[in-house]
Amino acid sequence: MKIAALGDAHLGRAYYPCTVDGVNQRERDFELSFQAAVDLALAQSPDAVVWLGDVFDHPRPTYRSFCVAQRAVQKIRDHGVSLVAITGNHDTPRLPGTGSPYSALAGAFPEMHWAHRMAYERFELDGVVVHAVPQMLTVEATLDALAEADRGRSGDRTNVLLTHPRLPQVEPRYADINEIQVDAGELRADLVLLGHYHVHTTVREGVWYAGSTDTFSFADDPGEAKGVVVLDTDSGRCSHVALEGQRPLLTLETVAATGLSPAELQDVVLERVAGVASGAVARLFIEQVEPEAYRLLDLDAVRSAGAAALHLKLEPRFSDTTVYVDLPDLDTMPARWGCYLDDQDLTGYDRPRIAALGEDYLSKAVEAEE
């Protein structure tokens, strides 16, 4: 059996203050990448298509995002191909009983296979048993579901496990909301396809992260292609098929500012940003720059020179290091938020909701700064 899988489309994710026809351009990019990934998956002539969670960036997606997903399911159905979908840490409701966008899709397309109820689901396809463990609210619940999947394995057919965890065997690139961390040793199946990690990665033999369908930020390693994976359950081989034509995220050649006068710095910065590719999201590091020289940069001229970019960000590293301030790293802030809340009296307030909102905002800030 041939399975084409894609992970982490994050429909609805918006980055950078850039809009076209009233729609955030990066949000539109994510939609186009997801649509292209579905087309690419179907072009592989699979027997089944798999969505590995976080199709949506939020458990309450906009009408626009929902329609994009709905049209994708219709296209898969029209190709006569089965779909199996699980939820992820972003698009699973934070509180039990809250509605899921997957529930609406499951009601509209009952012939497809949906694991969205925070419970293990077992689906029998042609010669394959799919064990689907969607996002849970706790590690304990996830381990219980994985154990149930282990007990439900078939003795005469290939067992494929689908789930959406953070594995400690793969180094995280940034903090994220509602992550469930389990050890790879808990993933007991013949073959395992994973969502959540945005770069296609082989964890070990028979265990793969599919990767995301677009590059979120510089922490996603823009040099690594996004796309879909194709799993042959007979041979156990999994291959990555890259998407093409996506918006580039570029780090321009660093400016070494030591010894440069304000005028010289201005010239070098303008030269760097003038070469940015059209439509790119770009950043420029300026190392060891004097604060006064940086303040004298003509930012209007910089923006004009780099006008071809969709978004351009300067990243100065100042040479004045005589004053040291012990500030927490940004990527530790989501964890610090939880510690802070532990000491607060929130009587009368919805503590889980406050915690989830804070983690969401801080994690997105971490991603945006990477």
Foldseek 3Di string as FASTA:
>chain_A
DKEKEAEALAQPDAFDPFDDPRHRPVNVLSLVLVVVQLVVSVVVVGQAYEYQANLHQAQDHDPVSLVSVLVSVVVCVVSVHAYEYAHEQHNADQDPPDDGSVVVVCVVCVVHHYHHNQAWDWDDDDQEIEIEHHQHQALVSSLVRLVVLVVPDDPRGFYEYGYEADEPLDDALFDAFSHHYDHPVSNDGQAYEYYHQAAWDDSDQRYIYQHHSADQAVSNVQVGFHHIWMADRVVSDIDGDGDDDRAGEEEWDEAAAPPPALVRVLVVLLVGLLPDAAAHAYEYEYEQHAPVSVVPHPVVSNCVSNVRYSHYYYHYDHNPPPDDDDDDDLRCVLVVLVVVLVPDDPVPDDSSVVNNVRSNVSRVVRRNVD
